[in-house]
Structures are given as structure tokens and as C-alpha cells.
């Protein structure tokens, strides 16, 4: 899917609030890796990070009405995903005991034993390397390598000055060996999110919308299931009924369903 970069985040958020699921799809596709990176920086497991990133997007959709359209959407999303990851660890009751240097990914059953072992060893090296960084340097590095976010992007996502991002990346590169940096990049490339992630999130939101409609009163359920054309016709009917009740003369109703009210001038006698 190609997203129109000319459409601002705030406009896509506004359209989503108006019920435009395609606008929400564009937001997910544009920033799926922000939620993924945020979750991974806490969980250190690609599979768990995918699941929590999906959960974060559902929470974003449910909370979007609270979002200030003048704020940074990516920064807001990053914080929500981070909270979801922390909540997940607290529920598992291992938030204070997790050892970053020993966590490895769940093996892929489709892989050959040799490939599986190589990946396991590589992930262990990557995790130990990232664990050696400070928390702020680590999350900056993960954002940089998980989808090649620019330093300007990272500055906005983390709500820190651009100079701070540059310094953190410089410090991280000084601490990590070139071979390890390459392994970090390869690990994130191998576990990048595909288009299916966006599809899964949007499908979950669609089901969520259906379930919400089922709990509405009958009259509201009917409105919620109407198409845009049906809603415009209903609006036209209600306006005409209101005008008839008020006794206001109608000049015409054009093809765009706009009602033109006829005003008569009063001359002074």
C-alpha cells in the first residue's frame, strides 16, 4: 500500500474520527514500526513486540478522541505502546526480574536446525549488545535500526532535540563494535513488520466497530450501519421536515442535496 505523504497525521486522525477506516489504515502503515520499536525496547522479544504493537494500535483507535490534533501523533503512539509493553510485563509479574542479556526469540519452526541455532546465537549477541547501552541510547538505537527512521523522525518520536539524538547514536556506535552493529541491523531487517500486520490491526478495529454497534439502541444501530449516501438522504429528509414544521418556503433542492431557502424582501410602505 502506498500512503500519500502529503496528507498530514492530524488530517488522517481527523478522518479516522469521522469513521474513515482507510485513513486509519494509512496511519497504521505509516507508523507501525514506531509502536513495534517501542514495544521491543521493553520486551526484547520480536513476537511479543508484534502482539503488543497490535494492542497499542487498538488502544490508539479507542483513545483517538482524546488526542490533540496539534500534537505529534508518532510521539503519542510511542508512549502508548511503551505503556502497553510495561503493563504486559507487570501482568506476567517479571517486570523487575527480566534479564535482558538472556532473552532470546522463540525459534521459527520452519527453519532448519543449523539456521535456528545461528539466529539464536545472533540474537543473544544483539540483546547483550543493546543491554550494554543506557535506556535512552538503547531506544534511540532501536528506532534507528528497526526501520531506518531518520534522526529528525526520532527527534519527534522521542520528543527530544535533534542534537540529543545525534549524540545518543554517536555514543552507541562508540560502544558497539562494527560487526555487532551489522548484526543489530540484520536482526531487525529479518524481523521487520510486513503488510499483514497492518491488515490484522485494521481487521481487529473493524470487528471492534461491529461489536460496538451491536450495543447501541436500535435507532442508533440503523444510523451506524448506513452508507454516506444514505446518511445524506436522511439529513435531507430531516431538514425538509424541519422546514415544513417552521413554515419556511423552500426555493429548490439541488443535486448535492442542498436546500435553498427562499427569502422574500419586505418593502417599506
Protein backbone atom coordinates (compact mmCIF):
# COMPACT_ATOMS: atom_id res chain seq x y z
CA UNK A 1 0.00 0.00 0.00
CA UNK A 2 1.24 3.46 -0.89
CA UNK A 3 0.40 6.25 1.51
CA UNK A 4 0.02 9.86 0.50
CA UNK A 5 2.77 11.59 2.46
CA UNK A 6 1.14 14.94 1.67
CA UNK A 7 -1.76 14.06 3.95
CA UNK A 8 -0.80 15.15 7.47
CA UNK A 9 -1.10 12.92 10.53
CA UNK A 10 -3.63 15.28 12.06
CA UNK A 11 -5.80 15.10 8.92
CA UNK A 12 -5.67 11.31 8.92
CA UNK A 13 -6.56 11.29 12.62
CA UNK A 14 -9.48 13.65 11.99
CA UNK A 15 -10.75 11.46 9.15
CA UNK A 16 -10.43 8.40 11.36
CA UNK A 17 -12.58 10.09 13.98
CA UNK A 18 -15.15 10.68 11.23
CA UNK A 19 -15.24 6.91 10.61
CA UNK A 20 -12.82 6.72 7.67
CA UNK A 21 -11.17 3.31 8.09
CA UNK A 22 -8.88 3.90 5.10
CA UNK A 23 -7.38 6.93 6.88
CA UNK A 24 -6.70 4.77 9.94
CA UNK A 25 -5.10 2.14 7.67
CA UNK A 26 -2.74 4.82 6.35
CA UNK A 27 -1.79 5.82 9.89
CA UNK A 28 -1.04 2.22 10.87
CA UNK A 29 1.04 1.63 7.73
CA UNK A 30 2.92 4.89 8.22
CA UNK A 31 3.79 4.35 11.89
CA UNK A 32 3.54 0.60 12.52
CA UNK A 33 7.28 0.43 13.27
CA UNK A 34 7.06 3.17 15.90
CA UNK A 35 4.78 1.01 18.04
CA UNK A 36 6.90 -2.06 17.24
CA UNK A 37 10.16 -0.37 18.26
CA UNK A 38 8.64 1.00 21.44
CA UNK A 39 7.35 -2.43 22.48
CA UNK A 40 10.61 -4.17 21.56
CA UNK A 41 12.66 -1.72 23.63
CA UNK A 42 10.77 -3.01 26.68
CA UNK A 43 10.06 -6.67 25.84
CA UNK A 44 13.22 -7.76 23.97
CA UNK A 45 11.26 -10.32 22.01
CA UNK A 46 10.10 -9.77 18.44
CA UNK A 47 6.98 -11.94 18.71
CA UNK A 48 5.81 -10.28 21.91
CA UNK A 49 6.62 -6.87 20.45
CA UNK A 50 4.39 -7.59 17.43
CA UNK A 51 1.48 -8.60 19.68
CA UNK A 52 1.84 -5.59 21.96
CA UNK A 53 2.21 -3.24 18.99
CA UNK A 54 -1.16 -4.50 17.71
CA UNK A 55 -2.68 -3.98 21.15
CA UNK A 56 -1.26 -0.46 21.22
CA UNK A 57 -2.90 0.39 17.89
CA UNK A 58 -6.27 -0.82 19.18
CA UNK A 59 -5.81 1.39 22.23
CA UNK A 60 -4.88 4.30 19.95
CA UNK A 61 -8.08 3.83 17.96
CA UNK A 62 -10.18 3.70 21.12
CA UNK A 63 -8.46 6.77 22.61
CA UNK A 64 -8.14 8.87 19.46
CA UNK A 65 -10.88 11.24 20.55
CA UNK A 66 -8.55 12.33 23.38
CA UNK A 67 -5.65 13.07 21.03
CA UNK A 68 -4.77 16.73 20.49
CA UNK A 69 -4.55 17.12 16.71
CA UNK A 70 -1.85 19.77 17.18
CA UNK A 71 0.47 17.31 18.96
CA UNK A 72 2.87 14.80 17.42
CA UNK A 73 0.98 11.60 16.58
CA UNK A 74 4.15 9.46 16.46
CA UNK A 75 5.24 10.63 19.93
CA UNK A 76 1.77 9.90 21.32
CA UNK A 77 1.76 6.44 19.73
CA UNK A 78 5.26 5.67 21.06
CA UNK A 79 4.20 6.45 24.64
CA UNK A 80 1.02 4.37 24.37
CA UNK A 81 2.93 1.36 23.01
CA UNK A 82 5.51 1.68 25.77
CA UNK A 83 2.77 1.71 28.42
CA UNK A 84 1.19 -1.38 26.85
CA UNK A 85 4.52 -3.22 26.97
CA UNK A 86 5.12 -2.27 30.61
CA UNK A 87 1.57 -3.36 31.53
CA UNK A 88 2.21 -6.68 29.79
CA UNK A 89 5.35 -7.32 31.81
CA UNK A 90 3.64 -6.36 35.05
CA UNK A 91 0.85 -8.83 34.34
CA UNK A 92 3.50 -11.52 33.85
CA UNK A 93 5.00 -10.46 37.19
CA UNK A 94 8.52 -10.42 35.77
CA UNK A 95 8.89 -6.68 35.26
CA UNK A 96 11.61 -6.33 37.90
CA UNK A 97 13.38 -9.63 37.24
CA UNK A 98 13.74 -9.70 33.45
CA UNK A 99 17.36 -10.30 32.39
CA UNK A 100 17.96 -8.58 29.07
CA UNK A 101 21.13 -10.49 28.33
CA UNK A 102 19.41 -13.90 28.44
CA UNK A 103 16.22 -13.22 26.49
CA UNK A 104 16.10 -14.79 23.03
CA UNK A 105 13.43 -15.07 20.37
CA UNK A 106 11.09 -18.03 20.03
CA UNK A 107 12.64 -20.25 17.34
CA UNK A 108 10.95 -20.33 13.95
CA UNK A 109 9.76 -23.90 13.41
CA UNK A 110 10.15 -23.52 9.64
CA UNK A 111 13.89 -23.01 9.96
CA UNK A 112 16.49 -25.74 9.72
CA UNK A 113 18.27 -26.62 13.00
CA UNK A 114 21.54 -25.01 11.89
CA UNK A 115 19.80 -21.78 10.82
CA UNK A 116 17.78 -21.76 14.03
CA UNK A 117 20.94 -22.10 16.14
CA UNK A 118 22.71 -19.37 14.17
CA UNK A 119 19.78 -17.00 14.65
CA UNK A 120 19.60 -17.81 18.34
CA UNK A 121 23.29 -17.05 18.81
CA UNK A 122 23.00 -13.85 16.78
CA UNK A 123 20.01 -12.64 18.82
CA UNK A 124 21.85 -13.34 22.04
CA UNK A 125 24.75 -11.17 20.84
CA UNK A 126 22.36 -8.43 19.75
CA UNK A 127 20.48 -8.47 23.04
CA UNK A 128 23.67 -8.36 25.12
CA UNK A 129 24.99 -5.53 22.98
CA UNK A 130 21.82 -3.46 23.29
CA UNK A 131 21.59 -4.25 27.00
CA UNK A 132 25.01 -2.67 27.46
CA UNK A 133 23.60 0.71 26.37
CA UNK A 134 21.75 3.14 28.61
CA UNK A 135 17.96 3.09 28.29
CA UNK A 136 17.79 6.34 26.30
CA UNK A 137 20.63 5.32 23.98
CA UNK A 138 19.06 1.90 23.53
CA UNK A 139 15.61 3.12 22.46
CA UNK A 140 17.21 5.66 20.10
CA UNK A 141 19.34 2.93 18.52
CA UNK A 142 16.39 0.56 18.16
CA UNK A 143 14.34 3.24 16.38
CA UNK A 144 17.26 3.97 14.06
CA UNK A 145 17.74 0.35 13.03
CA UNK A 146 14.22 -1.10 13.19
CA UNK A 147 13.03 0.81 10.14
CA UNK A 148 15.79 3.26 9.35
CA UNK A 149 13.98 6.19 10.93
CA UNK A 150 15.81 9.42 10.25
CA UNK A 151 17.34 11.39 13.09
CA UNK A 152 14.66 14.06 12.56
CA UNK A 153 11.94 11.39 12.85
CA UNK A 154 13.48 10.00 16.04
CA UNK A 155 13.69 13.50 17.48
CA UNK A 156 9.93 13.91 17.02
CA UNK A 157 9.04 10.41 18.21
CA UNK A 158 11.06 10.72 21.44
CA UNK A 159 10.28 14.42 21.91
CA UNK A 160 13.96 15.33 22.29
CA UNK A 161 16.18 17.82 20.41
CA UNK A 162 17.86 16.66 17.21
CA UNK A 163 21.28 17.23 18.77
CA UNK A 164 20.39 14.80 21.57
CA UNK A 165 19.50 12.11 19.04
CA UNK A 166 22.82 12.60 17.19
CA UNK A 167 24.79 12.39 20.44
CA UNK A 168 22.99 9.21 21.55
CA UNK A 169 23.62 7.47 18.24
CA UNK A 170 27.27 8.56 18.30
CA UNK A 171 27.72 7.20 21.84
CA UNK A 172 26.04 3.91 20.88
CA UNK A 173 28.28 3.43 17.87
CA UNK A 174 31.35 4.05 20.02
CA UNK A 175 30.30 1.32 22.45
CA UNK A 176 29.22 -1.26 19.86
CA UNK A 177 31.68 -2.95 17.53
CA UNK A 178 31.13 -2.64 13.77
CA UNK A 179 30.34 -6.35 13.50
CA UNK A 180 27.75 -6.09 16.25
CA UNK A 181 26.15 -3.00 14.67
CA UNK A 182 25.77 -5.01 11.44
CA UNK A 183 24.19 -7.88 13.36
CA UNK A 184 21.74 -5.47 15.01
CA UNK A 185 20.71 -4.18 11.59
CA UNK A 186 20.34 -7.72 10.21
CA UNK A 187 18.24 -8.86 13.18
CA UNK A 188 15.77 -6.00 12.77
CA UNK A 189 15.66 -6.46 9.00
CA UNK A 190 14.87 -10.15 9.38
CA UNK A 191 12.05 -9.42 11.84
CA UNK A 192 10.53 -6.37 10.16
CA UNK A 193 6.76 -6.00 10.06
CA UNK A 194 5.05 -6.96 6.82
CA UNK A 195 1.81 -5.66 5.29
CA UNK A 196 -0.11 -8.41 7.15
CA UNK A 197 0.48 -6.53 10.41
CA UNK A 198 -1.48 -3.53 9.10
CA UNK A 199 -4.23 -5.82 7.79
CA UNK A 200 -4.54 -7.58 11.15
CA UNK A 201 -4.84 -4.30 13.07
CA UNK A 202 -7.48 -2.91 10.70
CA UNK A 203 -9.43 -6.19 10.82
CA UNK A 204 -9.45 -6.07 14.61
CA UNK A 205 -10.71 -2.50 14.54
CA UNK A 206 -13.44 -3.47 12.06
CA UNK A 207 -14.61 -6.23 14.39
CA UNK A 208 -14.45 -3.81 17.31
CA UNK A 209 -16.68 -1.34 15.46
CA UNK A 210 -19.21 -4.09 14.70
CA UNK A 211 -19.33 -5.14 18.33
CA UNK A 212 -19.82 -1.56 19.49
CA UNK A 213 -22.71 -1.09 17.05
CA UNK A 214 -24.42 -4.19 18.47
CA UNK A 215 -24.67 -2.48 21.87
CA UNK A 216 -26.26 0.70 20.53
CA UNK A 217 -30.03 1.36 20.74
CA UNK A 218 -31.93 0.20 17.65
CA UNK A 219 -32.25 3.67 16.13
CA UNK A 220 -28.53 4.35 16.52
CA UNK A 221 -27.63 0.92 15.13
CA UNK A 222 -29.55 1.82 11.98
CA UNK A 223 -27.63 5.09 11.62
CA UNK A 224 -24.26 3.45 12.33
CA UNK A 225 -24.77 0.93 9.53
CA UNK A 226 -25.85 3.50 6.94
CA UNK A 227 -23.65 4.39 3.99
CA UNK A 228 -22.59 8.01 3.40
CA UNK A 229 -25.24 8.35 0.68
CA UNK A 230 -27.96 7.02 2.98
CA UNK A 231 -26.88 9.41 5.73
CA UNK A 232 -27.04 12.37 3.31
CA UNK A 233 -30.55 11.35 2.25
CA UNK A 234 -31.60 11.05 5.88
CA UNK A 235 -30.14 14.51 6.56
CA UNK A 236 -32.05 15.94 3.59
CA UNK A 237 -35.30 14.37 4.81
CA UNK A 238 -34.83 15.74 8.33
CA UNK A 239 -34.05 19.24 7.03
CA UNK A 240 -37.14 19.26 4.83
CA UNK A 241 -39.29 18.09 7.73
CA UNK A 242 -37.86 20.83 9.95
CA UNK A 243 -38.51 23.49 7.30
CA UNK A 244 -42.09 22.32 6.87
CA UNK A 245 -42.68 22.50 10.61
CA UNK A 246 -41.24 26.02 10.74
CA UNK A 247 -43.21 27.07 7.70
CA UNK A 248 -40.16 28.33 5.79
CA UNK A 249 -40.64 28.43 1.97
CA UNK A 250 -38.13 26.29 0.03
CA UNK A 251 -36.79 27.60 -3.27
CA UNK A 252 -35.14 24.38 -4.56
CA UNK A 253 -33.24 21.22 -3.68
CA UNK A 254 -30.19 20.74 -5.92
CA UNK A 255 -28.33 17.56 -6.93
CA UNK A 256 -25.93 17.87 -3.98
CA UNK A 257 -28.89 17.56 -1.61
CA UNK A 258 -28.54 21.22 -0.62
CA UNK A 259 -31.73 23.03 0.29
CA UNK A 260 -32.02 26.65 -0.78
CA UNK A 261 -34.38 28.71 1.36
CA UNK A 262 -36.46 31.34 -0.41
CA UNK A 263 -36.31 34.74 1.25
CA UNK A 264 -38.83 37.46 0.35
CA UNK A 265 -37.95 41.09 0.74
CA UNK A 266 -40.25 43.47 2.57
CA UNK A 267 -40.63 46.98 1.15
CA UNK A 268 -41.28 49.95 3.37
CA UNK A 269 -44.77 51.42 2.92
